[in-house]
Amino acid sequence: MSTWLNRLRPGRDRLCLVQLSSGDGESHLVQFAPGQYDAPNLKRLLIDPKITKLFHYARFDIAV
């Protein structure tokens, strides 16, 4: 999983995109419009304790 902001300061800059993959060679993108962060499927995946999550740069991605 990796997050993309329109700049590089979590908490100040807007989250634009989340990139994720199940490890099968395919990548999935979740794109966010300004101020609209409702992504119920992504939220469900992130809170599921049965799914192992790997982050590209976890300290940054979690801060976002």
C-alpha atoms as a PDB file:
ATOM      1  CA  MET A   1       0.000   0.000   0.000  1.00  0.00           C
ATOM      2  CA  SER A   2       1.214   3.477  -0.780  1.00  0.00           C
ATOM      3  CA  THR A   3      -0.371   6.900  -0.398  1.00  0.00           C
ATOM      4  CA  TRP A   4       0.052   9.890  -2.679  1.00  0.00           C
ATOM      5  CA  LEU A   5      -0.462  13.502  -1.640  1.00  0.00           C
ATOM      6  CA  ASN A   6      -0.451  16.618  -3.755  1.00  0.00           C
ATOM      7  CA  ARG A   7       2.695  17.591  -1.777  1.00  0.00           C
ATOM      8  CA  LEU A   8       4.650  15.915   1.017  1.00  0.00           C
ATOM      9  CA  ARG A   9       3.230  17.111   4.350  1.00  0.00           C
ATOM     10  CA  PRO A  10       0.693  14.785   5.982  1.00  0.00           C
ATOM     11  CA  GLY A  11      -2.011  16.693   7.829  1.00  0.00           C
ATOM     12  CA  ARG A  12      -1.561  19.747   5.642  1.00  0.00           C
ATOM     13  CA  ASP A  13      -1.536  18.448   2.090  1.00  0.00           C
ATOM     14  CA  ARG A  14      -4.422  16.705   0.405  1.00  0.00           C
ATOM     15  CA  LEU A  15      -4.549  12.924   0.022  1.00  0.00           C
ATOM     16  CA  CYS A  16      -5.025  12.266  -3.694  1.00  0.00           C
ATOM     17  CA  LEU A  17      -4.572   8.551  -4.203  1.00  0.00           C
ATOM     18  CA  VAL A  18      -4.080   5.218  -2.438  1.00  0.00           C
ATOM     19  CA  GLN A  19      -2.361   2.458  -4.385  1.00  0.00           C
ATOM     20  CA  LEU A  20      -2.685  -1.153  -3.262  1.00  0.00           C
ATOM     21  CA  SER A  21      -2.222  -4.712  -4.449  1.00  0.00           C
ATOM     22  CA  SER A  22      -3.000  -8.163  -3.110  1.00  0.00           C
ATOM     23  CA  GLY A  23       0.370  -9.358  -4.428  1.00  0.00           C
ATOM     24  CA  ASP A  24      -1.045 -10.988  -7.548  1.00  0.00           C
ATOM     25  CA  GLY A  25       0.694  -8.598  -9.950  1.00  0.00           C
ATOM     26  CA  GLU A  26      -2.284  -6.276 -10.282  1.00  0.00           C
ATOM     27  CA  SER A  27      -2.440  -2.799  -8.776  1.00  0.00           C
ATOM     28  CA  HIS A  28      -5.598  -1.014  -7.662  1.00  0.00           C
ATOM     29  CA  LEU A  29      -5.999   2.725  -7.243  1.00  0.00           C
ATOM     30  CA  VAL A  30      -8.406   4.632  -5.029  1.00  0.00           C
ATOM     31  CA  GLN A  31      -8.569   8.267  -6.136  1.00  0.00           C
ATOM     32  CA  PHE A  32     -10.003  10.951  -3.853  1.00  0.00           C
ATOM     33  CA  ALA A  33     -11.685  14.189  -4.898  1.00  0.00           C
ATOM     34  CA  PRO A  34     -10.780  17.227  -2.779  1.00  0.00           C
ATOM     35  CA  GLY A  35     -12.380  16.904   0.646  1.00  0.00           C
ATOM     36  CA  GLN A  36     -14.127  13.622  -0.158  1.00  0.00           C
ATOM     37  CA  TYR A  37     -12.532  10.704   1.670  1.00  0.00           C
ATOM     38  CA  ASP A  38     -15.433   8.294   1.980  1.00  0.00           C
ATOM     39  CA  ALA A  39     -14.051   4.950   0.783  1.00  0.00           C
ATOM     40  CA  PRO A  40     -15.996   2.242   2.633  1.00  0.00           C
ATOM     41  CA  ASN A  41     -14.322  -0.699   0.881  1.00  0.00           C
ATOM     42  CA  LEU A  42     -10.858   0.669   1.619  1.00  0.00           C
ATOM     43  CA  LYS A  43     -11.813   1.311   5.246  1.00  0.00           C
ATOM     44  CA  ARG A  44     -13.126  -2.246   5.581  1.00  0.00           C
ATOM     45  CA  LEU A  45      -9.891  -3.653   4.179  1.00  0.00           C
ATOM     46  CA  LEU A  46      -7.719  -1.529   6.485  1.00  0.00           C
ATOM     47  CA  ILE A  47      -9.544  -2.492   9.681  1.00  0.00           C
ATOM     48  CA  ASP A  48      -9.752  -6.219   8.898  1.00  0.00           C
ATOM     49  CA  PRO A  49      -7.268  -7.946  11.256  1.00  0.00           C
ATOM     50  CA  LYS A  50      -7.209 -11.073   9.022  1.00  0.00           C
ATOM     51  CA  ILE A  51      -5.595  -9.134   6.152  1.00  0.00           C
ATOM     52  CA  THR A  52      -1.851  -8.496   6.371  1.00  0.00           C
ATOM     53  CA  LYS A  53      -0.927  -4.979   5.310  1.00  0.00           C
ATOM     54  CA  LEU A  54       2.466  -3.975   3.899  1.00  0.00           C
ATOM     55  CA  PHE A  55       3.246  -0.321   3.376  1.00  0.00           C
ATOM     56  CA  HIS A  56       5.696   1.362   1.025  1.00  0.00           C
ATOM     57  CA  TYR A  57       6.704   3.978   3.641  1.00  0.00           C
ATOM     58  CA  ALA A  58       4.570   3.104   6.658  1.00  0.00           C
ATOM     59  CA  ARG A  59       5.478   6.051   8.877  1.00  0.00           C
ATOM     60  CA  PHE A  60       4.317   8.457   6.184  1.00  0.00           C
ATOM     61  CA  ASP A  61       1.335   6.374   4.985  1.00  0.00           C
ATOM     62  CA  ILE A  62      -0.066   5.941   8.502  1.00  0.00           C
ATOM     63  CA  ALA A  63       0.379   9.669   9.222  1.00  0.00           C
ATOM     64  CA  VAL A  64      -1.765  10.476   6.185  1.00  0.00           C
END
